[in-house]
Amino acid sequence: GQSYEIRMLDNRKAGDIPEINGKLVKSIIRVVFHDRRLQYTEHQQLEGWKWNRPGDRLLDLDIPMSVGVIDIKTNPSQLNAVEFLWDPTKCTSAFIQVHCISTEFTPRKHGGEKGVPFRIQVDTFKQTENGEYTDHLHSASCQIKVFKPKGADRKQKTDREKMEKRTAHEKEKYQPSYDTTVLTEVI
């Protein structure tokens, strides 16, 4: 339920895709499963979540905090997606809220559940001649795990302690921590 900013940036090189200059583009932000095995059962997993939490959405846009987003749409049949239009030449930030936690999709064992990784994916489209936004421009994503605040604090603490016990050589295998995550282009 906490809001996280996704800053929408025009990353075209000079002269690339001139047909979108001065035009709006459409982006769809989705929260999906990162693990391949869960991707195969994603529909059933989401239906089960929906059945347990009627009327709730997995993903929402925090409209009061978002900047530069226009014509926001949420489809009742797609609880894990939001879409909106935006102008690539203007400062745009979409603040998203994920309403499910990673442990809701793990089988209950004996406590200490790891939780499944999710992926935030942003797909962007330009308008076609017939006025529909179906011409794919770009896709990017990053992996996330979502926990309740106390669980997240505990997880960060144990991860930090585990990392401190490792040798310098072992630590090199891991990515450093950053304040900002740059989404990776999906090809």
N, C-alpha and C. Protein backbone atom coordinates (compact mmCIF):
# COMPACT_ATOMS: atom_id res chain seq x y z
N GLY A 1 0.79 -1.21 0.00
CA GLY A 1 0.00 0.00 0.00
C GLY A 1 0.83 1.27 0.00
N GLN A 2 2.13 1.17 0.20
CA GLN A 2 2.98 2.36 0.19
C GLN A 2 3.22 2.80 -1.26
N SER A 3 3.32 4.11 -1.47
CA SER A 3 3.51 4.64 -2.82
C SER A 3 5.00 4.68 -3.18
N TYR A 4 5.29 4.20 -4.38
CA TYR A 4 6.66 4.23 -4.92
C TYR A 4 6.63 4.92 -6.27
N GLU A 5 7.60 5.79 -6.48
CA GLU A 5 7.65 6.58 -7.71
C GLU A 5 8.31 5.81 -8.84
N ILE A 6 7.67 5.87 -10.00
CA ILE A 6 8.30 5.44 -11.25
C ILE A 6 8.37 6.68 -12.11
N ARG A 7 9.58 7.16 -12.31
CA ARG A 7 9.78 8.37 -13.11
C ARG A 7 9.83 7.97 -14.58
N MET A 8 8.95 8.55 -15.36
CA MET A 8 8.86 8.24 -16.77
C MET A 8 9.77 9.19 -17.54
N LEU A 9 10.73 8.64 -18.27
CA LEU A 9 11.71 9.48 -18.98
C LEU A 9 11.72 9.15 -20.46
N ASP A 10 11.90 10.17 -21.27
CA ASP A 10 12.06 10.00 -22.71
C ASP A 10 13.53 9.66 -22.95
N ASN A 11 13.81 8.39 -23.25
CA ASN A 11 15.22 8.00 -23.41
C ASN A 11 15.61 7.83 -24.88
N ARG A 12 14.87 8.52 -25.77
CA ARG A 12 15.22 8.45 -27.19
C ARG A 12 16.52 9.21 -27.45
N LYS A 13 17.25 8.73 -28.43
CA LYS A 13 18.42 9.49 -28.90
C LYS A 13 17.91 10.52 -29.91
N ALA A 14 18.65 11.59 -30.10
CA ALA A 14 18.23 12.66 -31.01
C ALA A 14 17.85 12.08 -32.38
N GLY A 15 16.67 12.42 -32.85
CA GLY A 15 16.22 11.96 -34.16
C GLY A 15 15.45 10.65 -34.14
N ASP A 16 15.49 9.91 -33.02
CA ASP A 16 14.75 8.64 -32.92
C ASP A 16 13.25 8.90 -32.83
N ILE A 17 12.48 8.11 -33.54
CA ILE A 17 11.01 8.12 -33.48
C ILE A 17 10.45 9.54 -33.47
N PRO A 18 10.72 10.33 -34.52
CA PRO A 18 10.24 11.72 -34.54
C PRO A 18 8.72 11.83 -34.57
N GLU A 19 8.03 10.76 -34.97
CA GLU A 19 6.57 10.81 -35.07
C GLU A 19 5.86 10.95 -33.73
N ILE A 20 6.58 10.78 -32.62
CA ILE A 20 5.91 10.98 -31.31
C ILE A 20 6.20 12.37 -30.73
N ASN A 21 6.98 13.18 -31.44
CA ASN A 21 7.23 14.54 -30.95
C ASN A 21 5.92 15.29 -30.84
N GLY A 22 5.69 15.89 -29.67
CA GLY A 22 4.47 16.65 -29.45
C GLY A 22 3.23 15.80 -29.27
N LYS A 23 3.39 14.49 -29.14
CA LYS A 23 2.25 13.58 -28.98
C LYS A 23 2.34 12.85 -27.64
N LEU A 24 1.21 12.34 -27.22
CA LEU A 24 1.16 11.54 -25.99
C LEU A 24 1.48 10.09 -26.31
N VAL A 25 2.00 9.38 -25.31
CA VAL A 25 2.21 7.94 -25.43
C VAL A 25 1.43 7.28 -24.29
N LYS A 26 1.18 5.99 -24.44
CA LYS A 26 0.47 5.26 -23.39
C LYS A 26 1.42 4.28 -22.74
N SER A 27 1.41 4.24 -21.40
CA SER A 27 2.18 3.25 -20.67
C SER A 27 1.25 2.39 -19.84
N ILE A 28 1.56 1.13 -19.78
CA ILE A 28 0.85 0.18 -18.93
C ILE A 28 1.85 -0.34 -17.91
N ILE A 29 1.54 -0.15 -16.63
CA ILE A 29 2.40 -0.67 -15.56
C ILE A 29 1.70 -1.89 -14.99
N ARG A 30 2.46 -2.99 -14.88
CA ARG A 30 1.90 -4.23 -14.34
C ARG A 30 2.82 -4.79 -13.27
N VAL A 31 2.21 -5.47 -12.30
CA VAL A 31 2.99 -6.27 -11.36
C VAL A 31 2.72 -7.72 -11.76
N VAL A 32 3.79 -8.44 -12.09
CA VAL A 32 3.69 -9.82 -12.55
C VAL A 32 4.67 -10.68 -11.76
N PHE A 33 4.58 -11.98 -11.93
CA PHE A 33 5.50 -12.87 -11.23
C PHE A 33 6.83 -12.89 -11.95
N HIS A 34 7.91 -12.93 -11.18
CA HIS A 34 9.25 -12.97 -11.76
C HIS A 34 9.65 -14.41 -12.09
N ASP A 35 9.31 -15.36 -11.20
CA ASP A 35 9.70 -16.76 -11.40
C ASP A 35 8.95 -17.37 -12.57
N ARG A 36 9.69 -18.04 -13.44
CA ARG A 36 9.11 -18.64 -14.62
C ARG A 36 8.00 -19.64 -14.25
N ARG A 37 8.21 -20.45 -13.19
CA ARG A 37 7.22 -21.48 -12.84
C ARG A 37 5.90 -20.84 -12.41
N LEU A 38 5.94 -19.68 -11.76
CA LEU A 38 4.70 -19.00 -11.37
C LEU A 38 4.06 -18.28 -12.55
N GLN A 39 4.86 -17.89 -13.54
CA GLN A 39 4.30 -17.23 -14.72
C GLN A 39 3.33 -18.16 -15.45
N TYR A 40 3.61 -19.48 -15.42
CA TYR A 40 2.74 -20.44 -16.09
C TYR A 40 1.38 -20.55 -15.41
N THR A 41 1.34 -20.29 -14.10
CA THR A 41 0.07 -20.41 -13.35
C THR A 41 -0.43 -19.05 -12.89
N GLU A 42 0.08 -17.97 -13.52
CA GLU A 42 -0.24 -16.61 -13.07
C GLU A 42 -1.74 -16.36 -13.01
N HIS A 43 -2.47 -16.78 -14.03
CA HIS A 43 -3.92 -16.54 -14.06
C HIS A 43 -4.60 -17.19 -12.84
N GLN A 44 -4.27 -18.46 -12.56
CA GLN A 44 -4.87 -19.16 -11.41
C GLN A 44 -4.45 -18.50 -10.10
N GLN A 45 -3.18 -18.10 -10.00
CA GLN A 45 -2.69 -17.46 -8.78
C GLN A 45 -3.46 -16.16 -8.51
N LEU A 46 -3.63 -15.35 -9.56
CA LEU A 46 -4.33 -14.07 -9.41
C LEU A 46 -5.81 -14.28 -9.13
N GLU A 47 -6.42 -15.30 -9.74
CA GLU A 47 -7.82 -15.60 -9.47
C GLU A 47 -8.01 -16.01 -8.01
N GLY A 48 -7.07 -16.81 -7.49
CA GLY A 48 -7.13 -17.23 -6.09
C GLY A 48 -7.01 -16.04 -5.15
N TRP A 49 -6.10 -15.10 -5.50
CA TRP A 49 -5.91 -13.90 -4.69
C TRP A 49 -7.20 -13.06 -4.70
N LYS A 50 -7.78 -12.92 -5.89
CA LYS A 50 -9.01 -12.14 -6.07
C LYS A 50 -10.16 -12.75 -5.25
N TRP A 51 -10.24 -14.07 -5.23
CA TRP A 51 -11.30 -14.76 -4.50
C TRP A 51 -11.16 -14.52 -2.99
N ASN A 52 -9.90 -14.49 -2.51
CA ASN A 52 -9.63 -14.26 -1.09
C ASN A 52 -9.77 -12.80 -0.68
N ARG A 53 -9.66 -11.89 -1.65
CA ARG A 53 -9.70 -10.46 -1.36
C ARG A 53 -10.65 -9.75 -2.32
N PRO A 54 -11.96 -10.07 -2.24
CA PRO A 54 -12.91 -9.48 -3.20
C PRO A 54 -12.91 -7.96 -3.15
N GLY A 55 -12.93 -7.35 -4.34
CA GLY A 55 -12.99 -5.89 -4.43
C GLY A 55 -11.63 -5.21 -4.36
N ASP A 56 -10.57 -5.95 -4.01
CA ASP A 56 -9.23 -5.36 -3.92
C ASP A 56 -8.51 -5.46 -5.27
N ARG A 57 -7.52 -4.59 -5.45
CA ARG A 57 -6.65 -4.61 -6.62
C ARG A 57 -5.23 -4.92 -6.17
N LEU A 58 -4.46 -5.59 -7.01
CA LEU A 58 -3.05 -5.84 -6.71
C LEU A 58 -2.23 -4.57 -6.88
N LEU A 59 -2.62 -3.73 -7.86
CA LEU A 59 -1.83 -2.56 -8.19
C LEU A 59 -2.75 -1.37 -8.42
N ASP A 60 -2.38 -0.24 -7.84
CA ASP A 60 -3.11 1.01 -8.05
C ASP A 60 -2.13 2.12 -8.33
N LEU A 61 -2.65 3.19 -8.90
CA LEU A 61 -1.88 4.41 -9.10
C LEU A 61 -2.30 5.38 -8.01
N ASP A 62 -1.34 5.94 -7.31
CA ASP A 62 -1.63 6.96 -6.30
C ASP A 62 -1.79 8.27 -7.06
N ILE A 63 -3.03 8.55 -7.46
CA ILE A 63 -3.31 9.68 -8.35
C ILE A 63 -2.91 11.03 -7.74
N PRO A 64 -3.22 11.32 -6.45
CA PRO A 64 -2.83 12.63 -5.91
C PRO A 64 -1.31 12.88 -5.94
N MET A 65 -0.50 11.82 -5.82
CA MET A 65 0.95 12.01 -5.83
C MET A 65 1.55 12.01 -7.24
N SER A 66 0.88 11.38 -8.18
CA SER A 66 1.41 11.26 -9.54
C SER A 66 1.38 12.61 -10.26
N VAL A 67 2.35 12.79 -11.17
CA VAL A 67 2.49 14.07 -11.90
C VAL A 67 2.55 13.77 -13.39
N GLY A 68 1.76 14.49 -14.18
CA GLY A 68 1.84 14.40 -15.64
C GLY A 68 1.14 13.20 -16.25
N VAL A 69 0.39 12.44 -15.46
CA VAL A 69 -0.34 11.30 -16.03
C VAL A 69 -1.76 11.75 -16.38
N ILE A 70 -2.24 11.30 -17.53
CA ILE A 70 -3.54 11.72 -18.06
C ILE A 70 -4.35 10.47 -18.41
N ASP A 71 -5.66 10.58 -18.34
CA ASP A 71 -6.56 9.52 -18.79
C ASP A 71 -6.21 8.16 -18.17
N ILE A 72 -6.18 8.12 -16.84
CA ILE A 72 -5.81 6.92 -16.10
C ILE A 72 -6.94 5.90 -16.19
N LYS A 73 -6.58 4.64 -16.48
CA LYS A 73 -7.58 3.59 -16.57
C LYS A 73 -7.13 2.37 -15.78
N THR A 74 -8.09 1.78 -15.07
CA THR A 74 -7.87 0.49 -14.43
C THR A 74 -8.99 -0.43 -14.90
N ASN A 75 -8.61 -1.55 -15.45
CA ASN A 75 -9.58 -2.51 -15.96
C ASN A 75 -9.94 -3.47 -14.83
N PRO A 76 -11.23 -3.61 -14.50
CA PRO A 76 -11.63 -4.52 -13.41
C PRO A 76 -11.20 -5.97 -13.61
N SER A 77 -10.98 -6.37 -14.86
CA SER A 77 -10.55 -7.75 -15.09
C SER A 77 -9.02 -7.90 -15.00
N GLN A 78 -8.29 -6.77 -14.96
CA GLN A 78 -6.83 -6.81 -14.82
C GLN A 78 -6.46 -6.09 -13.53
N LEU A 79 -6.50 -6.83 -12.43
CA LEU A 79 -6.24 -6.26 -11.10
C LEU A 79 -4.77 -5.90 -10.90
N ASN A 80 -3.91 -6.39 -11.79
CA ASN A 80 -2.48 -6.17 -11.63
C ASN A 80 -1.92 -5.14 -12.61
N ALA A 81 -2.79 -4.29 -13.20
CA ALA A 81 -2.31 -3.34 -14.21
C ALA A 81 -3.03 -2.00 -14.11
N VAL A 82 -2.28 -0.93 -14.43
CA VAL A 82 -2.86 0.41 -14.58
C VAL A 82 -2.29 0.98 -15.88
N GLU A 83 -3.08 1.81 -16.55
CA GLU A 83 -2.58 2.43 -17.78
C GLU A 83 -2.91 3.91 -17.78
N PHE A 84 -2.09 4.67 -18.50
CA PHE A 84 -2.28 6.11 -18.56
C PHE A 84 -1.55 6.67 -19.77
N LEU A 85 -1.90 7.89 -20.13
CA LEU A 85 -1.21 8.62 -21.19
C LEU A 85 -0.26 9.62 -20.55
N TRP A 86 0.81 9.96 -21.23
CA TRP A 86 1.74 10.97 -20.75
C TRP A 86 2.52 11.57 -21.91
N ASP A 87 3.05 12.76 -21.66
CA ASP A 87 3.80 13.51 -22.67
C ASP A 87 5.29 13.31 -22.40
N PRO A 88 6.01 12.67 -23.32
CA PRO A 88 7.44 12.40 -23.10
C PRO A 88 8.30 13.65 -22.91
N THR A 89 7.80 14.82 -23.32
CA THR A 89 8.59 16.04 -23.18
C THR A 89 8.40 16.70 -21.81
N LYS A 90 7.46 16.19 -21.03
CA LYS A 90 7.17 16.80 -19.72
C LYS A 90 7.61 15.88 -18.58
N CYS A 91 7.84 16.47 -17.43
CA CYS A 91 8.20 15.73 -16.22
C CYS A 91 7.00 14.86 -15.80
N THR A 92 7.19 13.56 -15.77
CA THR A 92 6.10 12.64 -15.44
C THR A 92 6.56 11.63 -14.40
N SER A 93 5.76 11.48 -13.35
CA SER A 93 6.02 10.48 -12.32
C SER A 93 4.73 9.75 -11.99
N ALA A 94 4.78 8.42 -12.07
CA ALA A 94 3.63 7.59 -11.69
C ALA A 94 3.97 6.96 -10.34
N PHE A 95 3.15 7.23 -9.35
CA PHE A 95 3.36 6.63 -8.03
C PHE A 95 2.46 5.42 -7.92
N ILE A 96 3.07 4.24 -7.77
CA ILE A 96 2.29 3.01 -7.72
C ILE A 96 2.19 2.49 -6.29
N GLN A 97 1.13 1.74 -6.05
CA GLN A 97 0.92 1.06 -4.77
C GLN A 97 0.64 -0.41 -5.07
N VAL A 98 1.44 -1.30 -4.47
CA VAL A 98 1.25 -2.73 -4.61
C VAL A 98 0.51 -3.20 -3.36
N HIS A 99 -0.64 -3.85 -3.55
CA HIS A 99 -1.50 -4.23 -2.43
C HIS A 99 -1.41 -5.70 -2.06
N CYS A 100 -0.42 -6.40 -2.56
CA CYS A 100 -0.24 -7.80 -2.15
C CYS A 100 1.18 -7.94 -1.66
N ILE A 101 1.42 -8.95 -0.84
CA ILE A 101 2.78 -9.18 -0.35
C ILE A 101 3.32 -10.48 -0.92
N SER A 102 4.63 -10.57 -1.00
CA SER A 102 5.29 -11.70 -1.64
C SER A 102 4.96 -13.04 -1.00
N THR A 103 4.65 -13.04 0.29
CA THR A 103 4.37 -14.31 0.96
C THR A 103 2.95 -14.82 0.72
N GLU A 104 2.09 -14.01 0.10
CA GLU A 104 0.73 -14.46 -0.19
C GLU A 104 0.71 -15.54 -1.27
N PHE A 105 1.79 -15.69 -2.00
CA PHE A 105 1.84 -16.65 -3.10
C PHE A 105 2.82 -17.79 -2.83
N THR A 106 3.26 -17.94 -1.56
CA THR A 106 4.14 -19.05 -1.21
C THR A 106 3.33 -20.07 -0.41
N PRO A 107 3.64 -21.34 -0.58
CA PRO A 107 2.92 -22.34 0.21
C PRO A 107 3.28 -22.18 1.68
N ARG A 108 2.30 -22.25 2.56
CA ARG A 108 2.53 -22.08 4.00
C ARG A 108 3.27 -23.30 4.53
N LYS A 109 4.42 -23.07 5.12
CA LYS A 109 5.18 -24.17 5.71
C LYS A 109 5.29 -23.91 7.19
N HIS A 110 6.49 -23.79 7.71
CA HIS A 110 6.63 -23.54 9.13
C HIS A 110 7.28 -22.19 9.38
N GLY A 111 6.61 -21.15 9.00
CA GLY A 111 7.08 -19.78 9.27
C GLY A 111 8.32 -19.42 8.46
N GLY A 112 8.71 -18.17 8.56
CA GLY A 112 9.92 -17.69 7.88
C GLY A 112 9.84 -17.82 6.37
N GLU A 113 8.66 -17.59 5.81
CA GLU A 113 8.50 -17.74 4.36
C GLU A 113 9.34 -16.71 3.62
N LYS A 114 9.96 -17.14 2.54
CA LYS A 114 10.81 -16.25 1.76
C LYS A 114 9.99 -15.25 0.95
N GLY A 115 8.89 -15.67 0.42
CA GLY A 115 8.11 -14.79 -0.44
C GLY A 115 8.59 -14.87 -1.88
N VAL A 116 7.67 -14.75 -2.81
CA VAL A 116 8.02 -14.83 -4.22
C VAL A 116 8.41 -13.46 -4.75
N PRO A 117 9.37 -13.41 -5.65
CA PRO A 117 9.71 -12.12 -6.26
C PRO A 117 8.68 -11.76 -7.33
N PHE A 118 8.33 -10.48 -7.37
CA PHE A 118 7.46 -9.95 -8.41
C PHE A 118 8.32 -9.16 -9.38
N ARG A 119 7.71 -8.75 -10.47
CA ARG A 119 8.39 -7.87 -11.40
C ARG A 119 7.44 -6.73 -11.72
N ILE A 120 7.94 -5.51 -11.64
CA ILE A 120 7.20 -4.35 -12.12
C ILE A 120 7.60 -4.19 -13.57
N GLN A 121 6.63 -4.19 -14.47
CA GLN A 121 6.93 -4.05 -15.89
C GLN A 121 6.16 -2.86 -16.46
N VAL A 122 6.86 -2.04 -17.23
CA VAL A 122 6.26 -0.86 -17.86
C VAL A 122 6.39 -1.04 -19.37
N ASP A 123 5.24 -1.09 -20.04
CA ASP A 123 5.20 -1.20 -21.50
C ASP A 123 4.65 0.10 -22.06
N THR A 124 5.33 0.67 -23.06
CA THR A 124 4.92 1.97 -23.61
C THR A 124 4.62 1.82 -25.10
N PHE A 125 3.54 2.50 -25.52
CA PHE A 125 3.03 2.39 -26.89
C PHE A 125 2.79 3.78 -27.47
N LYS A 126 2.96 3.88 -28.81
CA LYS A 126 2.59 5.13 -29.50
C LYS A 126 1.29 4.90 -30.25
N GLN A 127 0.69 6.01 -30.66
CA GLN A 127 -0.61 5.97 -31.34
C GLN A 127 -0.43 5.58 -32.81
N THR A 128 -1.33 4.75 -33.29
CA THR A 128 -1.33 4.39 -34.71
C THR A 128 -2.19 5.39 -35.48
N GLU A 129 -2.24 5.24 -36.82
CA GLU A 129 -3.04 6.15 -37.64
C GLU A 129 -4.52 6.11 -37.26
N ASN A 130 -5.00 4.94 -36.81
CA ASN A 130 -6.42 4.83 -36.46
C ASN A 130 -6.71 5.31 -35.03
N GLY A 131 -5.70 5.90 -34.37
CA GLY A 131 -5.92 6.51 -33.05
C GLY A 131 -5.77 5.57 -31.86
N GLU A 132 -5.41 4.32 -32.10
CA GLU A 132 -5.24 3.38 -30.99
C GLU A 132 -3.77 3.32 -30.57
N TYR A 133 -3.55 3.10 -29.28
CA TYR A 133 -2.18 3.01 -28.75
C TYR A 133 -1.75 1.55 -28.73
N THR A 134 -1.38 1.03 -29.90
CA THR A 134 -1.00 -0.38 -29.99
C THR A 134 0.39 -0.59 -30.58
N ASP A 135 1.04 0.49 -31.01
CA ASP A 135 2.36 0.40 -31.62
C ASP A 135 3.43 0.41 -30.51
N HIS A 136 4.02 -0.76 -30.23
CA HIS A 136 4.96 -0.90 -29.11
C HIS A 136 6.23 -0.06 -29.30
N LEU A 137 6.59 0.71 -28.26
CA LEU A 137 7.80 1.53 -28.28
C LEU A 137 8.90 0.94 -27.40
N HIS A 138 8.53 0.55 -26.17
CA HIS A 138 9.56 0.22 -25.19
C HIS A 138 8.96 -0.58 -24.04
N SER A 139 9.77 -1.47 -23.47
CA SER A 139 9.39 -2.20 -22.25
C SER A 139 10.58 -2.25 -21.32
N ALA A 140 10.30 -2.08 -20.03
CA ALA A 140 11.36 -2.14 -19.02
C ALA A 140 10.78 -2.74 -17.75
N SER A 141 11.65 -3.34 -16.93
CA SER A 141 11.15 -3.95 -15.71
C SER A 141 12.23 -4.01 -14.64
N CYS A 142 11.80 -4.31 -13.42
CA CYS A 142 12.74 -4.59 -12.34
C CYS A 142 12.05 -5.57 -11.39
N GLN A 143 12.88 -6.31 -10.67
CA GLN A 143 12.36 -7.28 -9.71
C GLN A 143 12.11 -6.59 -8.38
N ILE A 144 11.01 -6.97 -7.71
CA ILE A 144 10.71 -6.44 -6.38
C ILE A 144 10.23 -7.58 -5.49
N LYS A 145 10.34 -7.38 -4.20
CA LYS A 145 9.68 -8.24 -3.22
C LYS A 145 8.93 -7.29 -2.31
N VAL A 146 7.71 -7.65 -1.93
CA VAL A 146 6.88 -6.78 -1.12
C VAL A 146 6.57 -7.47 0.19
N PHE A 147 6.87 -6.78 1.29
CA PHE A 147 6.60 -7.29 2.62
C PHE A 147 5.87 -6.24 3.43
N LYS A 148 5.25 -6.66 4.51
CA LYS A 148 4.67 -5.70 5.44
C LYS A 148 5.82 -4.96 6.11
N PRO A 149 5.59 -3.72 6.60
CA PRO A 149 6.70 -2.92 7.14
C PRO A 149 7.59 -3.65 8.15
N LYS A 150 7.02 -4.32 9.14
CA LYS A 150 7.86 -5.01 10.14
C LYS A 150 8.65 -6.14 9.50
N GLY A 151 8.00 -6.89 8.61
CA GLY A 151 8.68 -7.98 7.93
C GLY A 151 9.79 -7.47 7.03
N ALA A 152 9.57 -6.34 6.38
CA ALA A 152 10.59 -5.76 5.50
C ALA A 152 11.80 -5.31 6.31
N ASP A 153 11.55 -4.66 7.44
CA ASP A 153 12.66 -4.23 8.32
C ASP A 153 13.47 -5.43 8.79
N ARG A 154 12.76 -6.49 9.19
CA ARG A 154 13.43 -7.70 9.68
C ARG A 154 14.25 -8.33 8.56
N LYS A 155 13.66 -8.40 7.35
CA LYS A 155 14.37 -9.00 6.22
C LYS A 155 15.63 -8.20 5.87
N GLN A 156 15.51 -6.86 5.85
CA GLN A 156 16.69 -6.04 5.55
C GLN A 156 17.79 -6.25 6.59
N LYS A 157 17.39 -6.35 7.86
CA LYS A 157 18.36 -6.55 8.93
C LYS A 157 19.08 -7.89 8.77
N THR A 158 18.34 -8.96 8.53
CA THR A 158 18.98 -10.27 8.39
C THR A 158 19.84 -10.33 7.11
N ASP A 159 19.38 -9.70 6.03
CA ASP A 159 20.19 -9.65 4.80
C ASP A 159 21.50 -8.91 5.04
N ARG A 160 21.41 -7.79 5.78
CA ARG A 160 22.62 -7.01 6.09
C ARG A 160 23.58 -7.83 6.94
N GLU A 161 23.04 -8.53 7.94
CA GLU A 161 23.89 -9.36 8.81
C GLU A 161 24.56 -10.48 8.03
N LYS A 162 23.82 -11.12 7.14
CA LYS A 162 24.39 -12.19 6.30
C LYS A 162 25.51 -11.63 5.43
N MET A 163 25.31 -10.44 4.86
CA MET A 163 26.29 -9.83 3.97
C MET A 163 27.57 -9.46 4.75
N GLU A 164 27.41 -8.99 5.99
CA GLU A 164 28.57 -8.61 6.80
C GLU A 164 29.46 -9.81 7.12
N LYS A 165 28.88 -11.01 7.16
CA LYS A 165 29.64 -12.22 7.48
C LYS A 165 30.43 -12.74 6.28
N ARG A 166 30.11 -12.27 5.10
CA ARG A 166 30.78 -12.76 3.88
C ARG A 166 32.15 -12.10 3.71
N THR A 167 33.03 -12.80 2.99
CA THR A 167 34.35 -12.24 2.70
C THR A 167 34.21 -11.20 1.59
N ALA A 168 35.23 -10.36 1.43
CA ALA A 168 35.21 -9.32 0.39
C ALA A 168 35.03 -9.96 -0.99
N HIS A 169 35.68 -11.10 -1.21
CA HIS A 169 35.58 -11.79 -2.50
C HIS A 169 34.15 -12.27 -2.75
N GLU A 170 33.48 -12.79 -1.73
CA GLU A 170 32.08 -13.25 -1.87
C GLU A 170 31.14 -12.07 -2.12
N LYS A 171 31.43 -10.93 -1.47
CA LYS A 171 30.57 -9.74 -1.62
C LYS A 171 30.58 -9.20 -3.04
N GLU A 172 31.67 -9.42 -3.79
CA GLU A 172 31.78 -8.93 -5.16
C GLU A 172 30.73 -9.54 -6.09
N LYS A 173 30.21 -10.71 -5.72
CA LYS A 173 29.22 -11.40 -6.55
C LYS A 173 27.85 -10.73 -6.49
N TYR A 174 27.65 -9.86 -5.50
CA TYR A 174 26.35 -9.23 -5.29
C TYR A 174 26.35 -7.79 -5.78
N GLN A 175 25.17 -7.35 -6.19
CA GLN A 175 24.99 -5.97 -6.62
C GLN A 175 24.99 -5.06 -5.40
N PRO A 176 25.60 -3.88 -5.49
CA PRO A 176 25.52 -2.95 -4.36
C PRO A 176 24.11 -2.39 -4.21
N SER A 177 23.83 -1.84 -3.06
CA SER A 177 22.52 -1.26 -2.78
C SER A 177 22.47 0.18 -3.30
N TYR A 178 21.35 0.58 -3.88
CA TYR A 178 21.17 1.92 -4.41
C TYR A 178 19.88 2.52 -3.88
N ASP A 179 19.79 3.85 -3.87
CA ASP A 179 18.56 4.53 -3.47
C ASP A 179 17.53 4.49 -4.59
N THR A 180 18.00 4.39 -5.84
CA THR A 180 17.13 4.41 -7.01
C THR A 180 17.39 3.17 -7.85
N THR A 181 16.34 2.60 -8.41
CA THR A 181 16.50 1.45 -9.31
C THR A 181 16.17 1.90 -10.72
N VAL A 182 17.07 1.63 -11.64
CA VAL A 182 16.82 1.93 -13.04
C VAL A 182 16.23 0.65 -13.64
N LEU A 183 15.06 0.75 -14.23
CA LEU A 183 14.43 -0.42 -14.81
C LEU A 183 15.24 -0.90 -16.00
N THR A 184 15.34 -2.21 -16.15
CA THR A 184 16.11 -2.81 -17.22
C THR A 184 15.23 -2.99 -18.44
N GLU A 185 15.77 -2.64 -19.60
CA GLU A 185 14.99 -2.78 -20.83
C GLU A 185 14.71 -4.25 -21.09
N VAL A 186 13.46 -4.53 -21.47
CA VAL A 186 13.02 -5.88 -21.81
C VAL A 186 12.98 -5.96 -23.32
N ILE A 187 13.66 -6.93 -23.87
CA ILE A 187 13.73 -7.05 -25.33
C ILE A 187 12.86 -8.20 -25.81
